[in-house]
PDB file of N, CA and C in Angstrom:
ATOM      1  N   MET A   1       7.775 -36.136  12.757  1.00  0.00           N
ATOM      2  CA  MET A   1       7.484 -35.048  12.059  1.00  0.00           C
ATOM      3  C   MET A   1       6.288 -35.958  10.857  1.00  0.00           C
ATOM      4  N   SER A   2       5.671 -35.477  10.162  1.00  0.00           N
ATOM      5  CA  SER A   2       4.285 -35.320   8.809  1.00  0.00           C
ATOM      6  C   SER A   2       5.830 -35.251   7.443  1.00  0.00           C
ATOM      7  N   GLY A   3       4.998 -35.947   6.857  1.00  0.00           N
ATOM      8  CA  GLY A   3       6.167 -36.437   5.954  1.00  0.00           C
ATOM      9  C   GLY A   3       5.652 -34.972   4.813  1.00  0.00           C
ATOM     10  N   GLN A   4       5.294 -34.263   5.174  1.00  0.00           N
ATOM     11  CA  GLN A   4       4.988 -32.090   4.262  1.00  0.00           C
ATOM     12  C   GLN A   4       5.397 -31.710   5.047  1.00  0.00           C
ATOM     13  N   ILE A   5       5.914 -30.386   5.024  1.00  0.00           N
ATOM     14  CA  ILE A   5       6.853 -29.981   5.327  1.00  0.00           C
ATOM     15  C   ILE A   5       5.608 -28.105   5.192  1.00  0.00           C
ATOM     16  N   ALA A   6       4.458 -27.750   6.624  1.00  0.00           N
ATOM     17  CA  ALA A   6       3.832 -26.303   6.138  1.00  0.00           C
ATOM     18  C   ALA A   6       4.901 -25.418   6.347  1.00  0.00           C
ATOM     19  N   LYS A   7       6.070 -25.019   5.871  1.00  0.00           N
ATOM     20  CA  LYS A   7       6.801 -24.056   5.178  1.00  0.00           C
ATOM     21  C   LYS A   7       7.425 -24.413   4.687  1.00  0.00           C
ATOM     22  N   PRO A   8       8.761 -25.213   4.288  1.00  0.00           N
ATOM     23  CA  PRO A   8       9.345 -25.346   3.387  1.00  0.00           C
ATOM     24  C   PRO A   8      10.747 -24.088   2.187  1.00  0.00           C
ATOM     25  N   TRP A   9       9.589 -22.946   3.055  1.00  0.00           N
ATOM     26  CA  TRP A   9      10.957 -21.762   2.624  1.00  0.00           C
ATOM     27  C   TRP A   9      11.567 -21.367   2.874  1.00  0.00           C
ATOM     28  N   ALA A  10      12.793 -20.989   3.299  1.00  0.00           N
ATOM     29  CA  ALA A  10      13.398 -20.518   4.923  1.00  0.00           C
ATOM     30  C   ALA A  10      14.042 -19.527   4.244  1.00  0.00           C
ATOM     31  N   LEU A  11      14.320 -18.360   4.691  1.00  0.00           N
ATOM     32  CA  LEU A  11      15.258 -17.625   5.239  1.00  0.00           C
ATOM     33  C   LEU A  11      16.801 -17.896   5.970  1.00  0.00           C
ATOM     34  N   MET A  12      18.150 -17.636   5.133  1.00  0.00           N
ATOM     35  CA  MET A  12      18.931 -18.466   6.286  1.00  0.00           C
ATOM     36  C   MET A  12      20.184 -17.028   6.221  1.00  0.00           C
ATOM     37  N   ARG A  13      20.104 -16.216   6.986  1.00  0.00           N
ATOM     38  CA  ARG A  13      21.252 -15.754   7.280  1.00  0.00           C
ATOM     39  C   ARG A  13      23.374 -16.013   6.170  1.00  0.00           C
ATOM     40  N   HIS A  14      23.329 -15.039   4.975  1.00  0.00           N
ATOM     41  CA  HIS A  14      23.672 -15.082   3.997  1.00  0.00           C
ATOM     42  C   HIS A  14      24.949 -13.787   5.182  1.00  0.00           C
ATOM     43  N   HIS A  15      24.376 -12.825   4.711  1.00  0.00           N
ATOM     44  CA  HIS A  15      25.863 -11.750   5.383  1.00  0.00           C
ATOM     45  C   HIS A  15      25.066 -10.548   5.908  1.00  0.00           C
ATOM     46  N   ALA A  16      25.972  -9.831   6.619  1.00  0.00           N
ATOM     47  CA  ALA A  16      25.358  -8.712   6.876  1.00  0.00           C
ATOM     48  C   ALA A  16      23.778  -8.190   7.098  1.00  0.00           C
ATOM     49  N   GLY A  17      22.999  -8.221   6.971  1.00  0.00           N
ATOM     50  CA  GLY A  17      21.460  -7.508   6.127  1.00  0.00           C
ATOM     51  C   GLY A  17      21.603  -8.460   4.479  1.00  0.00           C
ATOM     52  N   TRP A  18      21.224  -9.038   4.168  1.00  0.00           N
ATOM     53  CA  TRP A  18      20.518 -10.233   3.011  1.00  0.00           C
ATOM     54  C   TRP A  18      20.819 -11.746   4.290  1.00  0.00           C
ATOM     55  N   ALA A  19      19.824 -12.634   3.577  1.00  0.00           N
ATOM     56  CA  ALA A  19      20.474 -14.036   3.482  1.00  0.00           C
ATOM     57  C   ALA A  19      19.097 -14.447   1.909  1.00  0.00           C
ATOM     58  N   ASP A  20      20.301 -15.886   2.094  1.00  0.00           N
ATOM     59  CA  ASP A  20      19.288 -16.836   0.943  1.00  0.00           C
ATOM     60  C   ASP A  20      18.596 -18.110   1.294  1.00  0.00           C
ATOM     61  N   VAL A  21      17.904 -17.428   0.167  1.00  0.00           N
ATOM     62  CA  VAL A  21      16.603 -18.310  -0.060  1.00  0.00           C
ATOM     63  C   VAL A  21      16.916 -20.211   0.483  1.00  0.00           C
ATOM     64  N   PHE A  22      16.174 -20.553   1.048  1.00  0.00           N
ATOM     65  CA  PHE A  22      16.781 -22.175   1.606  1.00  0.00           C
ATOM     66  C   PHE A  22      15.247 -23.226   1.008  1.00  0.00           C
ATOM     67  N   LEU A  23      15.347 -23.868   0.283  1.00  0.00           N
ATOM     68  CA  LEU A  23      14.083 -25.272   0.431  1.00  0.00           C
ATOM     69  C   LEU A  23      14.235 -26.448   1.285  1.00  0.00           C
ATOM     70  N   ILE A  24      14.321 -26.185   2.297  1.00  0.00           N
ATOM     71  CA  ILE A  24      14.372 -27.348   3.646  1.00  0.00           C
ATOM     72  C   ILE A  24      13.336 -28.948   2.655  1.00  0.00           C
ATOM     73  N   GLU A  25      13.641 -29.520   2.721  1.00  0.00           N
ATOM     74  CA  GLU A  25      13.667 -31.014   2.264  1.00  0.00           C
ATOM     75  C   GLU A  25      13.120 -32.245   2.608  1.00  0.00           C
ATOM     76  N   SER A  26      13.434 -31.273   4.454  1.00  0.00           N
ATOM     77  CA  SER A  26      13.549 -32.757   5.235  1.00  0.00           C
ATOM     78  C   SER A  26      14.129 -32.317   6.438  1.00  0.00           C
ATOM     79  N   GLU A  27      12.963 -32.827   6.977  1.00  0.00           N
ATOM     80  CA  GLU A  27      12.882 -31.992   9.039  1.00  0.00           C
ATOM     81  C   GLU A  27      13.442 -33.050   9.852  1.00  0.00           C
ATOM     82  N   SER A  28      14.138 -32.996  10.565  1.00  0.00           N
ATOM     83  CA  SER A  28      14.341 -33.819  12.028  1.00  0.00           C
ATOM     84  C   SER A  28      14.449 -33.568  13.074  1.00  0.00           C
ATOM     85  N   GLY A  29      14.102 -33.964  14.435  1.00  0.00           N
ATOM     86  CA  GLY A  29      14.603 -33.479  15.693  1.00  0.00           C
ATOM     87  C   GLY A  29      14.982 -31.550  15.459  1.00  0.00           C
ATOM     88  N   ASP A  30      15.918 -31.520  15.387  1.00  0.00           N
ATOM     89  CA  ASP A  30      16.801 -29.851  15.081  1.00  0.00           C
ATOM     90  C   ASP A  30      17.199 -29.228  13.833  1.00  0.00           C
ATOM     91  N   SER A  31      17.534 -30.831  13.379  1.00  0.00           N
ATOM     92  CA  SER A  31      18.145 -30.530  11.892  1.00  0.00           C
ATOM     93  C   SER A  31      16.911 -29.863  10.633  1.00  0.00           C
ATOM     94  N   ILE A  32      17.177 -29.464   9.287  1.00  0.00           N
ATOM     95  CA  ILE A  32      17.083 -29.626   9.000  1.00  0.00           C
ATOM     96  C   ILE A  32      17.941 -29.874   7.268  1.00  0.00           C
ATOM     97  N   THR A  33      17.245 -30.194   6.116  1.00  0.00           N
ATOM     98  CA  THR A  33      18.385 -31.017   4.858  1.00  0.00           C
ATOM     99  C   THR A  33      17.402 -29.700   3.447  1.00  0.00           C
ATOM    100  N   GLY A  34      18.571 -29.552   3.109  1.00  0.00           N
ATOM    101  CA  GLY A  34      18.057 -29.250   2.074  1.00  0.00           C
ATOM    102  C   GLY A  34      18.805 -28.361   0.883  1.00  0.00           C
ATOM    103  N   LEU A  35      18.586 -27.814   0.023  1.00  0.00           N
ATOM    104  CA  LEU A  35      19.354 -26.999  -0.837  1.00  0.00           C
ATOM    105  C   LEU A  35      18.982 -25.657  -1.001  1.00  0.00           C
ATOM    106  N   TYR A  36      19.305 -24.737  -2.191  1.00  0.00           N
ATOM    107  CA  TYR A  36      19.884 -22.984  -2.444  1.00  0.00           C
ATOM    108  C   TYR A  36      19.843 -23.005  -3.422  1.00  0.00           C
ATOM    109  N   PRO A  37      18.332 -22.467  -3.747  1.00  0.00           N
ATOM    110  CA  PRO A  37      18.249 -22.629  -5.190  1.00  0.00           C
ATOM    111  C   PRO A  37      17.940 -21.669  -6.447  1.00  0.00           C
ATOM    112  N   ASP A  38      18.346 -20.305  -5.279  1.00  0.00           N
ATOM    113  CA  ASP A  38      18.860 -19.220  -6.064  1.00  0.00           C
ATOM    114  C   ASP A  38      20.548 -19.157  -6.620  1.00  0.00           C
ATOM    115  N   ARG A  39      21.436 -20.187  -6.047  1.00  0.00           N
ATOM    116  CA  ARG A  39      22.748 -20.183  -6.204  1.00  0.00           C
ATOM    117  C   ARG A  39      22.996 -20.675  -7.868  1.00  0.00           C
ATOM    118  N   GLU A  40      24.143 -20.485  -8.251  1.00  0.00           N
ATOM    119  CA  GLU A  40      24.624 -20.867  -9.695  1.00  0.00           C
ATOM    120  C   GLU A  40      24.236 -22.165  -9.935  1.00  0.00           C
ATOM    121  N   THR A  41      25.600 -22.415  -8.919  1.00  0.00           N
ATOM    122  CA  THR A  41      25.838 -24.209  -9.349  1.00  0.00           C
ATOM    123  C   THR A  41      24.983 -24.249  -7.595  1.00  0.00           C
ATOM    124  N   GLN A  42      24.170 -25.601  -8.666  1.00  0.00           N
ATOM    125  CA  GLN A  42      24.091 -26.572  -7.188  1.00  0.00           C
ATOM    126  C   GLN A  42      25.144 -27.477  -6.972  1.00  0.00           C
ATOM    127  N   GLY A  43      25.027 -27.813  -4.801  1.00  0.00           N
ATOM    128  CA  GLY A  43      26.165 -28.567  -5.002  1.00  0.00           C
ATOM    129  C   GLY A  43      24.527 -29.473  -4.129  1.00  0.00           C
ATOM    130  N   PRO A  44      25.400 -30.457  -3.271  1.00  0.00           N
ATOM    131  CA  PRO A  44      25.020 -31.586  -2.839  1.00  0.00           C
ATOM    132  C   PRO A  44      24.095 -31.201  -1.505  1.00  0.00           C
ATOM    133  N   GLN A  45      22.389 -31.950  -0.387  1.00  0.00           N
ATOM    134  CA  GLN A  45      21.957 -30.614   0.164  1.00  0.00           C
ATOM    135  C   GLN A  45      22.709 -30.563   1.132  1.00  0.00           C
ATOM    136  N   VAL A  46      22.437 -29.944   1.068  1.00  0.00           N
ATOM    137  CA  VAL A  46      23.389 -29.180   3.479  1.00  0.00           C
ATOM    138  C   VAL A  46      22.011 -29.703   4.620  1.00  0.00           C
ATOM    139  N   SER A  47      22.914 -29.673   5.612  1.00  0.00           N
ATOM    140  CA  SER A  47      22.375 -29.481   6.623  1.00  0.00           C
ATOM    141  C   SER A  47      22.740 -28.727   8.031  1.00  0.00           C
ATOM    142  N   TYR A  48      21.542 -28.245   8.391  1.00  0.00           N
ATOM    143  CA  TYR A  48      21.815 -26.987   9.254  1.00  0.00           C
ATOM    144  C   TYR A  48      20.480 -27.356  10.396  1.00  0.00           C
ATOM    145  N   SER A  49      21.391 -26.665  11.747  1.00  0.00           N
ATOM    146  CA  SER A  49      20.645 -26.574  12.571  1.00  0.00           C
ATOM    147  C   SER A  49      19.463 -25.547  12.967  1.00  0.00           C
ATOM    148  N   ASN A  50      17.876 -25.541  13.078  1.00  0.00           N
ATOM    149  CA  ASN A  50      16.942 -25.072  12.762  1.00  0.00           C
ATOM    150  C   ASN A  50      17.205 -23.830  12.936  1.00  0.00           C
ATOM    151  N   ARG A  51      18.335 -24.011  14.205  1.00  0.00           N
ATOM    152  CA  ARG A  51      18.221 -22.666  14.785  1.00  0.00           C
ATOM    153  C   ARG A  51      19.098 -21.221  13.076  1.00  0.00           C
ATOM    154  N   ALA A  52      19.903 -22.279  13.196  1.00  0.00           N
ATOM    155  CA  ALA A  52      19.619 -21.387  11.499  1.00  0.00           C
ATOM    156  C   ALA A  52      18.959 -20.220  10.646  1.00  0.00           C
ATOM    157  N   VAL A  53      17.444 -21.243  10.550  1.00  0.00           N
ATOM    158  CA  VAL A  53      16.119 -20.623   9.733  1.00  0.00           C
ATOM    159  C   VAL A  53      16.487 -18.957  10.228  1.00  0.00           C
ATOM    160  N   LEU A  54      16.348 -18.500   9.656  1.00  0.00           N
ATOM    161  CA  LEU A  54      15.803 -17.190  10.482  1.00  0.00           C
ATOM    162  C   LEU A  54      14.310 -16.307  10.483  1.00  0.00           C
ATOM    163  N   ALA A  55      13.728 -16.924   8.940  1.00  0.00           N
ATOM    164  CA  ALA A  55      12.305 -17.387   9.169  1.00  0.00           C
ATOM    165  C   ALA A  55      12.177 -18.907   7.677  1.00  0.00           C
ATOM    166  N   ARG A  56      10.630 -18.950   8.186  1.00  0.00           N
ATOM    167  CA  ARG A  56       9.595 -19.496   7.401  1.00  0.00           C
ATOM    168  C   ARG A  56       8.801 -18.809   6.375  1.00  0.00           C
ATOM    169  N   PHE A  57       8.853 -19.791   5.390  1.00  0.00           N
ATOM    170  CA  PHE A  57       7.385 -19.534   4.237  1.00  0.00           C
ATOM    171  C   PHE A  57       7.451 -20.343   3.713  1.00  0.00           C
ATOM    172  N   PRO A  58       5.582 -20.810   2.935  1.00  0.00           N
ATOM    173  CA  PRO A  58       5.213 -21.263   2.545  1.00  0.00           C
ATOM    174  C   PRO A  58       5.495 -21.530   0.411  1.00  0.00           C
ATOM    175  N   THR A  59       6.358 -20.247   0.166  1.00  0.00           N
ATOM    176  CA  THR A  59       5.987 -20.250  -0.842  1.00  0.00           C
ATOM    177  C   THR A  59       7.713 -19.226  -1.367  1.00  0.00           C
ATOM    178  N   LEU A  60       8.081 -20.297  -3.145  1.00  0.00           N
ATOM    179  CA  LEU A  60       9.182 -19.466  -2.786  1.00  0.00           C
ATOM    180  C   LEU A  60       9.229 -18.452  -3.276  1.00  0.00           C
ATOM    181  N   GLU A  61       8.094 -17.532  -3.897  1.00  0.00           N
ATOM    182  CA  GLU A  61       7.234 -15.856  -3.817  1.00  0.00           C
ATOM    183  C   GLU A  61       8.319 -15.296  -2.797  1.00  0.00           C
ATOM    184  N   ALA A  62       6.341 -15.955  -1.765  1.00  0.00           N
ATOM    185  CA  ALA A  62       7.234 -14.980  -0.731  1.00  0.00           C
ATOM    186  C   ALA A  62       8.852 -14.920   0.198  1.00  0.00           C
ATOM    187  N   ALA A  63       8.488 -16.066   0.078  1.00  0.00           N
ATOM    188  CA  ALA A  63       9.984 -16.002   0.143  1.00  0.00           C
ATOM    189  C   ALA A  63      10.905 -14.912   0.117  1.00  0.00           C
ATOM    190  N   ARG A  64      11.459 -14.990  -1.562  1.00  0.00           N
ATOM    191  CA  ARG A  64      12.150 -13.773  -1.346  1.00  0.00           C
ATOM    192  C   ARG A  64      11.376 -12.463  -1.187  1.00  0.00           C
ATOM    193  N   ALA A  65      10.099 -12.377  -1.696  1.00  0.00           N
ATOM    194  CA  ALA A  65       9.788 -10.616  -1.517  1.00  0.00           C
ATOM    195  C   ALA A  65       9.934 -10.860   0.132  1.00  0.00           C
ATOM    196  N   ALA A  66      10.436 -11.692   1.070  1.00  0.00           N
ATOM    197  CA  ALA A  66      10.500 -10.449   2.013  1.00  0.00           C
ATOM    198  C   ALA A  66      12.340 -10.485   2.282  1.00  0.00           C
ATOM    199  N   ARG A  67      12.695 -11.780   1.666  1.00  0.00           N
ATOM    200  CA  ARG A  67      14.406 -11.615   2.031  1.00  0.00           C
ATOM    201  C   ARG A  67      14.261  -9.996   1.080  1.00  0.00           C
ATOM    202  N   GLU A  68      13.454  -8.991  -0.344  1.00  0.00           N
ATOM    203  CA  GLU A  68      13.717  -8.304  -1.094  1.00  0.00           C
ATOM    204  C   GLU A  68      13.502  -7.108   0.014  1.00  0.00           C
ATOM    205  N   SER A  69      12.093  -7.552   0.776  1.00  0.00           N
ATOM    206  CA  SER A  69      12.422  -6.550   1.104  1.00  0.00           C
ATOM    207  C   SER A  69      12.546  -5.873   2.190  1.00  0.00           C
ATOM    208  N   GLY A  70      13.424  -6.811   3.061  1.00  0.00           N
ATOM    209  CA  GLY A  70      13.960  -6.516   4.568  1.00  0.00           C
ATOM    210  C   GLY A  70      15.291  -6.002   5.024  1.00  0.00           C
ATOM    211  N   VAL A  71      16.119  -6.012   3.124  1.00  0.00           N
ATOM    212  CA  VAL A  71      16.852  -5.459   3.896  1.00  0.00           C
ATOM    213  C   VAL A  71      16.430  -3.207   3.972  1.00  0.00           C
ATOM    214  N   SER A  72      15.477  -3.483   3.185  1.00  0.00           N
ATOM    215  CA  SER A  72      14.979  -1.938   2.811  1.00  0.00           C
ATOM    216  C   SER A  72      14.801  -1.739   4.870  1.00  0.00           C
ATOM    217  N   GLU A  73      13.670  -2.885   5.396  1.00  0.00           N
ATOM    218  CA  GLU A  73      14.288  -2.555   6.983  1.00  0.00           C
ATOM    219  C   GLU A  73      15.745  -2.850   8.042  1.00  0.00           C
ATOM    220  N   TRP A  74      16.495  -3.560   7.336  1.00  0.00           N
ATOM    221  CA  TRP A  74      18.130  -3.157   7.214  1.00  0.00           C
ATOM    222  C   TRP A  74      18.442  -1.734   7.112  1.00  0.00           C
ATOM    223  N   ARG A  75      18.458  -0.862   6.197  1.00  0.00           N
ATOM    224  CA  ARG A  75      18.452   0.374   5.990  1.00  0.00           C
ATOM    225  C   ARG A  75      18.397   1.157   6.300  1.00  0.00           C
ATOM    226  N   LYS A  76      16.599   1.105   7.259  1.00  0.00           N
ATOM    227  CA  LYS A  76      15.726   1.977   8.476  1.00  0.00           C
ATOM    228  C   LYS A  76      17.491   2.727   9.549  1.00  0.00           C
ATOM    229  N   HIS A  77      17.849   1.839   9.578  1.00  0.00           N
ATOM    230  CA  HIS A  77      18.818   1.486  10.260  1.00  0.00           C
ATOM    231  C   HIS A  77      20.168   1.755  10.879  1.00  0.00           C
ATOM    232  N   ASP A  78      20.409   2.460   8.945  1.00  0.00           N
ATOM    233  CA  ASP A  78      22.147   2.884   9.091  1.00  0.00           C
ATOM    234  C   ASP A  78      22.496   4.940   9.677  1.00  0.00           C
ATOM    235  N   ALA A  79      22.395   5.415   9.878  1.00  0.00           N
ATOM    236  CA  ALA A  79      22.166   6.317  10.582  1.00  0.00           C
ATOM    237  C   ALA A  79      22.968   5.754  11.742  1.00  0.00           C
ATOM    238  N   ALA A  80      22.043   5.581  12.106  1.00  0.00           N
ATOM    239  CA  ALA A  80      21.643   5.124  13.867  1.00  0.00           C
ATOM    240  C   ALA A  80      23.585   4.193  14.030  1.00  0.00           C
ATOM    241  N   VAL A  81      22.927   3.014  13.239  1.00  0.00           N
ATOM    242  CA  VAL A  81      25.255   2.510  13.010  1.00  0.00           C
ATOM    243  C   VAL A  81      25.825   3.707  13.091  1.00  0.00           C
ATOM    244  N   ARG A  82      26.274   4.369  12.238  1.00  0.00           N
ATOM    245  CA  ARG A  82      26.772   5.130  11.141  1.00  0.00           C
ATOM    246  C   ARG A  82      27.372   5.867  12.676  1.00  0.00           C
ATOM    247  N   GLU A  83      26.196   6.681  13.842  1.00  0.00           N
ATOM    248  CA  GLU A  83      26.496   7.121  14.257  1.00  0.00           C
ATOM    249  C   GLU A  83      26.852   6.483  15.630  1.00  0.00           C
ATOM    250  N   ALA A  84      27.084   5.180  15.925  1.00  0.00           N
ATOM    251  CA  ALA A  84      26.891   4.925  17.279  1.00  0.00           C
ATOM    252  C   ALA A  84      28.391   4.119  17.033  1.00  0.00           C
ATOM    253  N   GLU A  85      29.392   3.809  15.750  1.00  0.00           N
ATOM    254  CA  GLU A  85      30.151   3.663  15.247  1.00  0.00           C
ATOM    255  C   GLU A  85      31.347   5.107  15.325  1.00  0.00           C
ATOM    256  N   ASP A  86      30.895   6.137  14.893  1.00  0.00           N
ATOM    257  CA  ASP A  86      31.638   7.167  15.380  1.00  0.00           C
ATOM    258  C   ASP A  86      31.653   7.880  16.735  1.00  0.00           C
ATOM    259  N   ALA A  87      31.288   6.957  17.285  1.00  0.00           N
ATOM    260  CA  ALA A  87      31.165   7.113  19.253  1.00  0.00           C
ATOM    261  C   ALA A  87      32.027   6.740  19.244  1.00  0.00           C
ATOM    262  N   LEU A  88      32.503   4.856  18.296  1.00  0.00           N
ATOM    263  CA  LEU A  88      32.874   4.146  19.259  1.00  0.00           C
ATOM    264  C   LEU A  88      34.194   4.535  18.544  1.00  0.00           C
ATOM    265  N   ARG A  89      33.942   5.242  17.525  1.00  0.00           N
ATOM    266  CA  ARG A  89      35.873   6.077  17.471  1.00  0.00           C
ATOM    267  C   ARG A  89      36.730   7.146  17.896  1.00  0.00           C
ATOM    268  N   LYS A  90      35.908   7.185  18.675  1.00  0.00           N
ATOM    269  CA  LYS A  90      36.073   7.790  19.946  1.00  0.00           C
ATOM    270  C   LYS A  90      36.208   8.094  20.924  1.00  0.00           C
ATOM    271  N   ALA A  91      35.454   7.046  21.067  1.00  0.00           N
ATOM    272  CA  ALA A  91      35.596   6.988  22.473  1.00  0.00           C
ATOM    273  C   ALA A  91      37.271   5.673  22.551  1.00  0.00           C
ATOM    274  N   GLU A  92      37.437   5.123  21.606  1.00  0.00           N
ATOM    275  CA  GLU A  92      38.596   3.849  21.600  1.00  0.00           C
ATOM    276  C   GLU A  92      40.440   5.482  21.554  1.00  0.00           C
ATOM    277  N   GLN A  93      39.377   6.056  20.413  1.00  0.00           N
ATOM    278  CA  GLN A  93      40.688   7.393  20.635  1.00  0.00           C
ATOM    279  C   GLN A  93      40.919   7.713  21.493  1.00  0.00           C
ATOM    280  N   SER A  94      40.119   8.135  22.546  1.00  0.00           N
ATOM    281  CA  SER A  94      39.957   8.668  24.285  1.00  0.00           C
ATOM    282  C   SER A  94      41.164   7.110  24.828  1.00  0.00           C
ATOM    283  N   ARG A  95      40.271   6.980  25.145  1.00  0.00           N
ATOM    284  CA  ARG A  95      41.521   5.645  25.666  1.00  0.00           C
ATOM    285  C   ARG A  95      42.874   5.109  24.849  1.00  0.00           C
ATOM    286  N   GLU A  96      42.762   5.311  23.871  1.00  0.00           N
ATOM    287  CA  GLU A  96      44.392   4.862  23.066  1.00  0.00           C
ATOM    288  C   GLU A  96      44.298   6.991  23.654  1.00  0.00           C
ATOM    289  N   ASP A  97      44.760   7.823  23.658  1.00  0.00           N
ATOM    290  CA  ASP A  97      45.443   8.617  23.413  1.00  0.00           C
ATOM    291  C   ASP A  97      45.432   8.656  25.451  1.00  0.00           C
ATOM    292  N   ALA A  98      45.245   8.154  26.223  1.00  0.00           N
ATOM    293  CA  ALA A  98      44.633   8.216  27.835  1.00  0.00           C
ATOM    294  C   ALA A  98      46.022   7.595  28.628  1.00  0.00           C
ATOM    295  N   TRP A  99      45.677   5.870  27.826  1.00  0.00           N
ATOM    296  CA  TRP A  99      47.206   5.428  27.842  1.00  0.00           C
ATOM    297  C   TRP A  99      48.494   5.694  27.674  1.00  0.00           C
ATOM    298  N   VAL A 100      48.552   6.341  27.101  1.00  0.00           N
ATOM    299  CA  VAL A 100      50.082   6.889  25.944  1.00  0.00           C
ATOM    300  C   VAL A 100      49.853   7.915  27.075  1.00  0.00           C
ATOM    301  N   ALA A 101      49.408   9.132  27.617  1.00  0.00           N
ATOM    302  CA  ALA A 101      49.370   9.833  28.206  1.00  0.00           C
ATOM    303  C   ALA A 101      50.184   9.227  29.346  1.00  0.00           C
ATOM    304  N   TRP A 102      49.970   8.421  30.705  1.00  0.00           N
ATOM    305  CA  TRP A 102      49.704   6.879  31.809  1.00  0.00           C
ATOM    306  C   TRP A 102      51.369   7.598  31.656  1.00  0.00           C
ATOM    307  N   LEU A 103      51.054   6.652  30.215  1.00  0.00           N
ATOM    308  CA  LEU A 103      52.955   5.904  29.785  1.00  0.00           C
ATOM    309  C   LEU A 103      53.699   6.643  30.223  1.00  0.00           C
ATOM    310  N   ARG A 104      53.342   8.421  29.124  1.00  0.00           N
ATOM    311  CA  ARG A 104      54.464   9.267  29.238  1.00  0.00           C
ATOM    312  C   ARG A 104      54.983   9.974  30.504  1.00  0.00           C
ATOM    313  N   LYS A 105      53.487   9.671  31.540  1.00  0.00           N
ATOM    314  CA  LYS A 105      53.723  10.435  32.924  1.00  0.00           C
ATOM    315  C   LYS A 105      54.144   9.798  33.841  1.00  0.00           C
ATOM    316  N   GLU A 106      54.620   8.417  33.263  1.00  0.00           N
ATOM    317  CA  GLU A 106      54.945   7.608  34.268  1.00  0.00           C
ATOM    318  C   GLU A 106      57.012   7.264  34.150  1.00  0.00           C
ATOM    319  N   SER A 107      57.077   7.717  32.730  1.00  0.00           N
ATOM    320  CA  SER A 107      58.152   7.381  32.410  1.00  0.00           C
ATOM    321  C   SER A 107      59.356   8.874  32.671  1.00  0.00           C
ATOM    322  N   GLU A 108      58.511   9.850  33.208  1.00  0.00           N
ATOM    323  CA  GLU A 108      58.655  11.154  33.464  1.00  0.00           C
ATOM    324  C   GLU A 108      58.789  11.313  34.745  1.00  0.00           C
ATOM    325  N   LYS A 109      58.635   9.983  36.401  1.00  0.00           N
ATOM    326  CA  LYS A 109      58.316   9.801  37.498  1.00  0.00           C
ATOM    327  C   LYS A 109      60.460   9.779  37.867  1.00  0.00           C
TER     328      LYS A 109
END
């Protein structure tokens, strides 16, 4: 690995629909080490597997802009997710109802 990292700014998954900006200070094999510059308190450097990186950027500004605009991409799918959750709740209720009905039928034998 060369001494200079071409795209040192990464987005790391924070929670559903949100990523934290991470400054990669060093890389080796399949791991990265760095820090989170946007967090209120700066702790010691942390290391992660390269698989933890969602995307890499050449500048802090590009990483922040992608993070912010990524929220709108996430939100585009909210309605479909709500519909799927509603369908799942209905299916779970049908399963529960069928199970209880079966148990009651068995108790009448």
